[in-house]
PDB file of N, CA and C in Angstrom:
ATOM      1  N   UNK A   1      12.746  40.430 -31.597  1.00  0.00           N
ATOM      2  CA  UNK A   1      13.666  41.253 -32.365  1.00  0.00           C
ATOM      3  C   UNK A   1      13.145  41.445 -33.846  1.00  0.00           C
ATOM      4  N   UNK A   2      13.101  42.630 -34.318  1.00  0.00           N
ATOM      5  CA  UNK A   2      12.720  42.808 -35.692  1.00  0.00           C
ATOM      6  C   UNK A   2      13.855  42.598 -36.643  1.00  0.00           C
ATOM      7  N   UNK A   3      13.547  41.901 -37.677  1.00  0.00           N
ATOM      8  CA  UNK A   3      14.415  41.510 -38.710  1.00  0.00           C
ATOM      9  C   UNK A   3      15.109  42.871 -39.389  1.00  0.00           C
ATOM     10  N   UNK A   4      16.327  42.869 -39.624  1.00  0.00           N
ATOM     11  CA  UNK A   4      16.996  44.065 -40.296  1.00  0.00           C
ATOM     12  C   UNK A   4      16.339  44.602 -41.549  1.00  0.00           C
ATOM     13  N   UNK A   5      15.929  43.650 -42.298  1.00  0.00           N
ATOM     14  CA  UNK A   5      15.230  44.003 -43.613  1.00  0.00           C
ATOM     15  C   UNK A   5      14.076  44.702 -43.367  1.00  0.00           C
ATOM     16  N   UNK A   6      13.203  44.248 -42.464  1.00  0.00           N
ATOM     17  CA  UNK A   6      11.884  44.877 -42.037  1.00  0.00           C
ATOM     18  C   UNK A   6      12.180  46.298 -41.470  1.00  0.00           C
ATOM     19  N   UNK A   7      13.173  46.531 -40.658  1.00  0.00           N
ATOM     20  CA  UNK A   7      13.530  47.750 -40.082  1.00  0.00           C
ATOM     21  C   UNK A   7      13.936  48.736 -41.274  1.00  0.00           C
ATOM     22  N   UNK A   8      14.744  48.260 -42.145  1.00  0.00           N
ATOM     23  CA  UNK A   8      15.168  49.095 -43.403  1.00  0.00           C
ATOM     24  C   UNK A   8      13.983  49.495 -44.189  1.00  0.00           C
ATOM     25  N   UNK A   9      13.085  48.540 -44.343  1.00  0.00           N
ATOM     26  CA  UNK A   9      11.881  48.882 -45.211  1.00  0.00           C
ATOM     27  C   UNK A   9      10.946  49.963 -44.436  1.00  0.00           C
ATOM     28  N   UNK A  10      10.931  49.764 -43.095  1.00  0.00           N
ATOM     29  CA  UNK A  10      10.054  50.680 -42.347  1.00  0.00           C
ATOM     30  C   UNK A  10      10.752  52.041 -42.417  1.00  0.00           C
ATOM     31  N   UNK A  11      12.130  52.092 -42.387  1.00  0.00           N
ATOM     32  CA  UNK A  11      12.820  53.459 -42.461  1.00  0.00           C
ATOM     33  C   UNK A  11      12.506  54.103 -43.844  1.00  0.00           C
ATOM     34  N   UNK A  12      12.450  53.259 -44.900  1.00  0.00           N
ATOM     35  CA  UNK A  12      12.191  53.890 -46.133  1.00  0.00           C
ATOM     36  C   UNK A  12      10.839  54.343 -46.229  1.00  0.00           C
ATOM     37  N   UNK A  13       9.936  53.611 -45.628  1.00  0.00           N
ATOM     38  CA  UNK A  13       8.475  54.055 -45.663  1.00  0.00           C
ATOM     39  C   UNK A  13       8.360  55.389 -44.795  1.00  0.00           C
ATOM     40  N   UNK A  14       9.066  55.481 -43.659  1.00  0.00           N
ATOM     41  CA  UNK A  14       9.031  56.708 -42.978  1.00  0.00           C
ATOM     42  C   UNK A  14       9.470  57.860 -43.721  1.00  0.00           C
ATOM     43  N   UNK A  15      10.530  57.683 -44.646  1.00  0.00           N
ATOM     44  CA  UNK A  15      10.945  58.864 -45.464  1.00  0.00           C
ATOM     45  C   UNK A  15      10.028  59.141 -46.469  1.00  0.00           C
ATOM     46  N   UNK A  16       9.306  58.061 -47.205  1.00  0.00           N
ATOM     47  CA  UNK A  16       8.240  58.409 -48.137  1.00  0.00           C
ATOM     48  C   UNK A  16       7.080  59.159 -47.524  1.00  0.00           C
ATOM     49  N   UNK A  17       6.727  58.734 -46.181  1.00  0.00           N
ATOM     50  CA  UNK A  17       5.564  59.354 -45.542  1.00  0.00           C
ATOM     51  C   UNK A  17       5.980  60.742 -45.296  1.00  0.00           C
ATOM     52  N   UNK A  18       7.102  61.027 -44.901  1.00  0.00           N
ATOM     53  CA  UNK A  18       7.515  62.495 -44.613  1.00  0.00           C
ATOM     54  C   UNK A  18       7.373  63.376 -45.786  1.00  0.00           C
ATOM     55  N   UNK A  19       7.778  62.775 -46.988  1.00  0.00           N
ATOM     56  CA  UNK A  19       7.663  63.432 -48.312  1.00  0.00           C
ATOM     57  C   UNK A  19       6.237  63.762 -48.611  1.00  0.00           C
ATOM     58  N   UNK A  20       5.390  62.770 -48.384  1.00  0.00           N
ATOM     59  CA  UNK A  20       3.936  62.951 -48.590  1.00  0.00           C
ATOM     60  C   UNK A  20       3.371  64.122 -47.771  1.00  0.00           C
ATOM     61  N   UNK A  21       3.735  64.108 -46.510  1.00  0.00           N
ATOM     62  CA  UNK A  21       3.163  65.212 -45.708  1.00  0.00           C
ATOM     63  C   UNK A  21       3.764  66.603 -46.244  1.00  0.00           C
ATOM     64  N   UNK A  22       5.093  66.609 -46.577  1.00  0.00           N
ATOM     65  CA  UNK A  22       5.655  67.807 -47.079  1.00  0.00           C
ATOM     66  C   UNK A  22       4.870  68.321 -48.341  1.00  0.00           C
ATOM     67  N   UNK A  23       4.581  67.387 -49.212  1.00  0.00           N
ATOM     68  CA  UNK A  23       3.876  67.770 -50.410  1.00  0.00           C
ATOM     69  C   UNK A  23       2.455  68.176 -50.225  1.00  0.00           C
ATOM     70  N   UNK A  24       1.840  67.558 -49.287  1.00  0.00           N
ATOM     71  CA  UNK A  24       0.485  68.082 -48.964  1.00  0.00           C
ATOM     72  C   UNK A  24       0.436  69.426 -48.356  1.00  0.00           C
ATOM     73  N   UNK A  25       1.441  69.752 -47.467  1.00  0.00           N
ATOM     74  CA  UNK A  25       1.550  71.030 -46.787  1.00  0.00           C
ATOM     75  C   UNK A  25       1.843  72.036 -48.007  1.00  0.00           C
ATOM     76  N   UNK A  26       2.849  71.738 -48.959  1.00  0.00           N
ATOM     77  CA  UNK A  26       3.065  72.514 -50.145  1.00  0.00           C
ATOM     78  C   UNK A  26       1.844  72.808 -50.911  1.00  0.00           C
ATOM     79  N   UNK A  27       0.956  71.828 -51.188  1.00  0.00           N
ATOM     80  CA  UNK A  27      -0.207  71.892 -51.903  1.00  0.00           C
ATOM     81  C   UNK A  27      -1.197  72.847 -51.246  1.00  0.00           C
ATOM     82  N   UNK A  28      -1.347  72.726 -49.846  1.00  0.00           N
ATOM     83  CA  UNK A  28      -2.319  73.675 -49.192  1.00  0.00           C
ATOM     84  C   UNK A  28      -1.746  75.046 -49.181  1.00  0.00           C
ATOM     85  N   UNK A  29      -0.434  75.303 -49.205  1.00  0.00           N
ATOM     86  CA  UNK A  29       0.112  76.652 -49.378  1.00  0.00           C
ATOM     87  C   UNK A  29      -0.258  77.249 -50.715  1.00  0.00           C
ATOM     88  N   UNK A  30      -0.261  76.403 -51.795  1.00  0.00           N
ATOM     89  CA  UNK A  30      -0.586  76.993 -53.134  1.00  0.00           C
ATOM     90  C   UNK A  30      -2.028  77.194 -53.242  1.00  0.00           C
ATOM     91  N   UNK A  31      -2.876  76.338 -52.560  1.00  0.00           N
ATOM     92  CA  UNK A  31      -4.343  76.582 -52.642  1.00  0.00           C
ATOM     93  C   UNK A  31      -4.657  77.778 -51.854  1.00  0.00           C
ATOM     94  N   UNK A  32      -3.971  78.125 -50.854  1.00  0.00           N
ATOM     95  CA  UNK A  32      -4.189  79.392 -50.051  1.00  0.00           C
ATOM     96  C   UNK A  32      -4.097  80.569 -51.097  1.00  0.00           C
ATOM     97  N   UNK A  33      -3.070  80.553 -51.967  1.00  0.00           N
ATOM     98  CA  UNK A  33      -2.839  81.607 -52.794  1.00  0.00           C
ATOM     99  C   UNK A  33      -3.909  81.544 -53.989  1.00  0.00           C
ATOM    100  N   UNK A  34      -4.356  80.407 -54.378  1.00  0.00           N
ATOM    101  CA  UNK A  34      -5.395  80.353 -55.375  1.00  0.00           C
ATOM    102  C   UNK A  34      -6.690  80.847 -54.813  1.00  0.00           C
ATOM    103  N   UNK A  35      -6.932  80.640 -53.525  1.00  0.00           N
ATOM    104  CA  UNK A  35      -8.190  81.124 -52.960  1.00  0.00           C
ATOM    105  C   UNK A  35      -8.179  82.677 -52.868  1.00  0.00           C
ATOM    106  N   UNK A  36      -6.901  83.221 -52.581  1.00  0.00           N
ATOM    107  CA  UNK A  36      -6.857  84.627 -52.509  1.00  0.00           C
ATOM    108  C   UNK A  36      -7.028  85.322 -53.881  1.00  0.00           C
ATOM    109  N   UNK A  37      -6.417  84.748 -54.959  1.00  0.00           N
ATOM    110  CA  UNK A  37      -6.604  85.298 -56.235  1.00  0.00           C
ATOM    111  C   UNK A  37      -8.108  85.135 -56.705  1.00  0.00           C
ATOM    112  N   UNK A  38      -8.702  84.026 -56.362  1.00  0.00           N
ATOM    113  CA  UNK A  38     -10.166  83.993 -56.706  1.00  0.00           C
ATOM    114  C   UNK A  38     -10.963  85.053 -55.984  1.00  0.00           C
ATOM    115  N   UNK A  39     -10.646  85.225 -54.615  1.00  0.00           N
ATOM    116  CA  UNK A  39     -11.444  86.267 -53.956  1.00  0.00           C
ATOM    117  C   UNK A  39     -11.075  87.636 -54.501  1.00  0.00           C
ATOM    118  N   UNK A  40      -9.837  87.970 -54.785  1.00  0.00           N
ATOM    119  CA  UNK A  40      -9.568  89.311 -55.418  1.00  0.00           C
ATOM    120  C   UNK A  40     -10.201  89.535 -56.678  1.00  0.00           C
ATOM    121  N   UNK A  41     -10.453  88.490 -57.414  1.00  0.00           N
ATOM    122  CA  UNK A  41     -11.066  88.577 -58.795  1.00  0.00           C
ATOM    123  C   UNK A  41     -12.576  88.206 -58.785  1.00  0.00           C
ATOM    124  N   UNK A  42     -13.058  88.030 -57.660  1.00  0.00           N
ATOM    125  CA  UNK A  42     -14.578  87.735 -57.517  1.00  0.00           C
ATOM    126  C   UNK A  42     -14.928  86.523 -58.291  1.00  0.00           C
ATOM    127  N   UNK A  43     -14.168  85.391 -58.239  1.00  0.00           N
ATOM    128  CA  UNK A  43     -14.295  84.219 -58.904  1.00  0.00           C
ATOM    129  C   UNK A  43     -14.956  83.189 -57.902  1.00  0.00           C
ATOM    130  N   UNK A  44     -15.654  82.216 -58.363  1.00  0.00           N
ATOM    131  CA  UNK A  44     -16.320  81.287 -57.611  1.00  0.00           C
ATOM    132  C   UNK A  44     -15.241  80.476 -56.788  1.00  0.00           C
ATOM    133  N   UNK A  45     -15.603  80.136 -55.594  1.00  0.00           N
ATOM    134  CA  UNK A  45     -14.678  79.398 -54.653  1.00  0.00           C
ATOM    135  C   UNK A  45     -14.376  78.012 -55.157  1.00  0.00           C
ATOM    136  N   UNK A  46     -15.332  77.333 -55.739  1.00  0.00           N
ATOM    137  CA  UNK A  46     -15.144  75.944 -56.306  1.00  0.00           C
ATOM    138  C   UNK A  46     -15.318  75.949 -57.804  1.00  0.00           C
ATOM    139  N   UNK A  47     -14.658  74.973 -58.342  1.00  0.00           N
ATOM    140  CA  UNK A  47     -14.677  74.799 -59.777  1.00  0.00           C
ATOM    141  C   UNK A  47     -14.706  73.295 -59.971  1.00  0.00           C
ATOM    142  N   UNK A  48     -16.019  72.769 -60.076  1.00  0.00           N
ATOM    143  CA  UNK A  48     -16.393  71.290 -60.244  1.00  0.00           C
ATOM    144  C   UNK A  48     -15.613  70.750 -61.449  1.00  0.00           C
ATOM    145  N   UNK A  49     -15.506  71.505 -62.503  1.00  0.00           N
ATOM    146  CA  UNK A  49     -14.912  71.088 -63.747  1.00  0.00           C
ATOM    147  C   UNK A  49     -13.453  70.782 -63.498  1.00  0.00           C
ATOM    148  N   UNK A  50     -12.785  71.737 -62.837  1.00  0.00           N
ATOM    149  CA  UNK A  50     -11.343  71.649 -62.547  1.00  0.00           C
ATOM    150  C   UNK A  50     -11.125  70.381 -61.595  1.00  0.00           C
ATOM    151  N   UNK A  51     -12.060  70.174 -60.633  1.00  0.00           N
ATOM    152  CA  UNK A  51     -11.945  69.049 -59.721  1.00  0.00           C
ATOM    153  C   UNK A  51     -12.104  67.759 -60.521  1.00  0.00           C
ATOM    154  N   UNK A  52     -13.063  67.700 -61.444  1.00  0.00           N
ATOM    155  CA  UNK A  52     -13.311  66.534 -62.234  1.00  0.00           C
ATOM    156  C   UNK A  52     -11.990  66.201 -63.116  1.00  0.00           C
ATOM    157  N   UNK A  53     -11.490  67.318 -63.733  1.00  0.00           N
ATOM    158  CA  UNK A  53     -10.224  67.131 -64.614  1.00  0.00           C
ATOM    159  C   UNK A  53      -9.091  66.643 -63.736  1.00  0.00           C
ATOM    160  N   UNK A  54      -8.954  67.124 -62.620  1.00  0.00           N
ATOM    161  CA  UNK A  54      -7.900  66.765 -61.656  1.00  0.00           C
ATOM    162  C   UNK A  54      -8.026  65.265 -61.302  1.00  0.00           C
ATOM    163  N   UNK A  55      -9.241  64.903 -60.934  1.00  0.00           N
ATOM    164  CA  UNK A  55      -9.460  63.362 -60.495  1.00  0.00           C
ATOM    165  C   UNK A  55      -9.195  62.560 -61.778  1.00  0.00           C
ATOM    166  N   UNK A  56      -9.465  62.901 -62.864  1.00  0.00           N
ATOM    167  CA  UNK A  56      -9.209  62.122 -64.180  1.00  0.00           C
ATOM    168  C   UNK A  56      -7.730  61.977 -64.248  1.00  0.00           C
ATOM    169  N   UNK A  57      -7.013  63.082 -64.132  1.00  0.00           N
ATOM    170  CA  UNK A  57      -5.582  63.101 -64.279  1.00  0.00           C
ATOM    171  C   UNK A  57      -4.871  62.173 -63.255  1.00  0.00           C
ATOM    172  N   UNK A  58      -5.515  62.257 -62.147  1.00  0.00           N
ATOM    173  CA  UNK A  58      -4.873  61.361 -60.937  1.00  0.00           C
ATOM    174  C   UNK A  58      -5.089  59.936 -61.267  1.00  0.00           C
ATOM    175  N   UNK A  59      -6.243  59.625 -61.875  1.00  0.00           N
ATOM    176  CA  UNK A  59      -6.533  58.314 -62.200  1.00  0.00           C
ATOM    177  C   UNK A  59      -5.510  57.763 -63.306  1.00  0.00           C
ATOM    178  N   UNK A  60      -5.193  58.609 -64.222  1.00  0.00           N
ATOM    179  CA  UNK A  60      -4.292  58.148 -65.346  1.00  0.00           C
ATOM    180  C   UNK A  60      -2.825  58.089 -64.760  1.00  0.00           C
ATOM    181  N   UNK A  61      -2.468  58.956 -63.842  1.00  0.00           N
ATOM    182  CA  UNK A  61      -1.154  58.845 -63.128  1.00  0.00           C
ATOM    183  C   UNK A  61      -1.109  57.514 -62.371  1.00  0.00           C
ATOM    184  N   UNK A  62      -2.234  57.231 -61.637  1.00  0.00           N
ATOM    185  CA  UNK A  62      -2.189  56.092 -60.859  1.00  0.00           C
ATOM    186  C   UNK A  62      -1.912  54.868 -61.782  1.00  0.00           C
ATOM    187  N   UNK A  63      -2.542  54.772 -62.861  1.00  0.00           N
ATOM    188  CA  UNK A  63      -2.397  53.658 -63.852  1.00  0.00           C
ATOM    189  C   UNK A  63      -0.960  53.611 -64.294  1.00  0.00           C
ATOM    190  N   UNK A  64      -0.300  54.787 -64.575  1.00  0.00           N
ATOM    191  CA  UNK A  64       1.012  54.723 -64.939  1.00  0.00           C
ATOM    192  C   UNK A  64       1.983  54.159 -63.904  1.00  0.00           C
ATOM    193  N   UNK A  65       1.701  54.441 -62.665  1.00  0.00           N
ATOM    194  CA  UNK A  65       2.543  53.920 -61.572  1.00  0.00           C
ATOM    195  C   UNK A  65       1.943  52.660 -61.034  1.00  0.00           C
ATOM    196  N   UNK A  66       1.036  52.037 -61.642  1.00  0.00           N
ATOM    197  CA  UNK A  66       0.474  50.701 -61.216  1.00  0.00           C
ATOM    198  C   UNK A  66      -0.057  50.789 -59.788  1.00  0.00           C
ATOM    199  N   UNK A  67      -0.710  51.843 -59.671  1.00  0.00           N
ATOM    200  CA  UNK A  67      -1.507  52.048 -58.293  1.00  0.00           C
ATOM    201  C   UNK A  67      -3.028  52.094 -58.771  1.00  0.00           C
ATOM    202  N   UNK A  68      -3.818  51.547 -57.883  1.00  0.00           N
ATOM    203  CA  UNK A  68      -5.282  51.572 -58.202  1.00  0.00           C
ATOM    204  C   UNK A  68      -5.787  52.889 -58.401  1.00  0.00           C
ATOM    205  N   UNK A  69      -6.404  53.149 -59.501  1.00  0.00           N
ATOM    206  CA  UNK A  69      -6.997  54.515 -59.777  1.00  0.00           C
ATOM    207  C   UNK A  69      -8.125  54.736 -58.707  1.00  0.00           C
ATOM    208  N   UNK A  70      -8.791  53.707 -58.226  1.00  0.00           N
ATOM    209  CA  UNK A  70      -9.828  54.024 -57.152  1.00  0.00           C
ATOM    210  C   UNK A  70      -9.107  54.462 -55.999  1.00  0.00           C
ATOM    211  N   UNK A  71      -8.076  53.920 -55.469  1.00  0.00           N
ATOM    212  CA  UNK A  71      -7.447  54.272 -54.250  1.00  0.00           C
ATOM    213  C   UNK A  71      -7.000  55.743 -54.454  1.00  0.00           C
ATOM    214  N   UNK A  72      -6.330  55.951 -55.567  1.00  0.00           N
ATOM    215  CA  UNK A  72      -5.679  57.357 -55.786  1.00  0.00           C
ATOM    216  C   UNK A  72      -6.838  58.360 -55.918  1.00  0.00           C
ATOM    217  N   UNK A  73      -7.922  58.029 -56.440  1.00  0.00           N
ATOM    218  CA  UNK A  73      -8.983  58.886 -56.495  1.00  0.00           C
ATOM    219  C   UNK A  73      -9.623  59.267 -55.193  1.00  0.00           C
ATOM    220  N   UNK A  74      -9.824  58.202 -54.389  1.00  0.00           N
ATOM    221  CA  UNK A  74     -10.338  58.469 -53.053  1.00  0.00           C
ATOM    222  C   UNK A  74      -9.442  59.382 -52.151  1.00  0.00           C
ATOM    223  N   UNK A  75      -8.093  59.106 -52.274  1.00  0.00           N
ATOM    224  CA  UNK A  75      -7.094  59.966 -51.575  1.00  0.00           C
ATOM    225  C   UNK A  75      -7.238  61.377 -52.048  1.00  0.00           C
ATOM    226  N   UNK A  76      -7.257  61.662 -53.352  1.00  0.00           N
ATOM    227  CA  UNK A  76      -7.333  62.982 -53.887  1.00  0.00           C
ATOM    228  C   UNK A  76      -8.681  63.632 -53.670  1.00  0.00           C
ATOM    229  N   UNK A  77      -9.770  62.911 -53.577  1.00  0.00           N
ATOM    230  CA  UNK A  77     -11.190  63.429 -53.246  1.00  0.00           C
ATOM    231  C   UNK A  77     -11.095  64.001 -51.809  1.00  0.00           C
ATOM    232  N   UNK A  78     -10.341  63.193 -50.940  1.00  0.00           N
ATOM    233  CA  UNK A  78     -10.247  63.630 -49.508  1.00  0.00           C
ATOM    234  C   UNK A  78      -9.398  64.983 -49.450  1.00  0.00           C
ATOM    235  N   UNK A  79      -8.288  64.906 -50.152  1.00  0.00           N
ATOM    236  CA  UNK A  79      -7.360  66.166 -50.126  1.00  0.00           C
ATOM    237  C   UNK A  79      -8.157  67.433 -50.594  1.00  0.00           C
ATOM    238  N   UNK A  80      -8.979  67.133 -51.748  1.00  0.00           N
ATOM    239  CA  UNK A  80      -9.754  68.324 -52.334  1.00  0.00           C
ATOM    240  C   UNK A  80     -10.747  68.677 -51.332  1.00  0.00           C
ATOM    241  N   UNK A  81     -11.445  67.770 -50.722  1.00  0.00           N
ATOM    242  CA  UNK A  81     -12.484  68.034 -49.751  1.00  0.00           C
ATOM    243  C   UNK A  81     -11.945  68.847 -48.576  1.00  0.00           C
ATOM    244  N   UNK A  82     -10.827  68.416 -48.084  1.00  0.00           N
ATOM    245  CA  UNK A  82     -10.262  69.007 -46.906  1.00  0.00           C
ATOM    246  C   UNK A  82      -9.788  70.376 -47.235  1.00  0.00           C
ATOM    247  N   UNK A  83      -9.194  70.588 -48.462  1.00  0.00           N
ATOM    248  CA  UNK A  83      -8.750  71.931 -48.836  1.00  0.00           C
ATOM    249  C   UNK A  83     -10.024  72.798 -48.878  1.00  0.00           C
ATOM    250  N   UNK A  84     -11.084  72.388 -49.575  1.00  0.00           N
ATOM    251  CA  UNK A  84     -12.293  73.198 -49.620  1.00  0.00           C
ATOM    252  C   UNK A  84     -12.761  73.614 -48.218  1.00  0.00           C
ATOM    253  N   UNK A  85     -12.827  72.589 -47.356  1.00  0.00           N
ATOM    254  CA  UNK A  85     -13.338  72.761 -46.041  1.00  0.00           C
ATOM    255  C   UNK A  85     -12.578  73.759 -45.237  1.00  0.00           C
ATOM    256  N   UNK A  86     -11.315  73.782 -45.461  1.00  0.00           N
ATOM    257  CA  UNK A  86     -10.419  74.660 -44.797  1.00  0.00           C
ATOM    258  C   UNK A  86     -10.722  76.152 -45.156  1.00  0.00           C
ATOM    259  N   UNK A  87     -11.180  76.329 -46.413  1.00  0.00           N
ATOM    260  CA  UNK A  87     -11.314  77.737 -46.991  1.00  0.00           C
ATOM    261  C   UNK A  87     -12.832  78.184 -46.989  1.00  0.00           C
ATOM    262  N   UNK A  88     -13.686  77.204 -46.929  1.00  0.00           N
ATOM    263  CA  UNK A  88     -15.055  77.598 -47.015  1.00  0.00           C
ATOM    264  C   UNK A  88     -15.726  77.876 -45.780  1.00  0.00           C
ATOM    265  N   UNK A  89     -15.051  77.573 -44.682  1.00  0.00           N
ATOM    266  CA  UNK A  89     -15.517  77.816 -43.301  1.00  0.00           C
ATOM    267  C   UNK A  89     -15.452  79.261 -42.948  1.00  0.00           C
TER     268      UNK A  89
END
């Protein structure tokens, strides 16, 4: 039998996970619009300076919330890579 406290914590985690997936989906919808604007304006598909700026911002946010900047950076690098892969194909 699972302790009640553990089940409650798991339920809380499930809610957080759902929110994460919803926000990632929202982010991908926004990036679709960004790619379209870039295409319409003949702008480069990738912006390494913007990516670097975003990763630095994520690192600072991670520190603010007592999360490892390294972990947050890896997660966002993956999100950025997957975003680019979905539009560069």
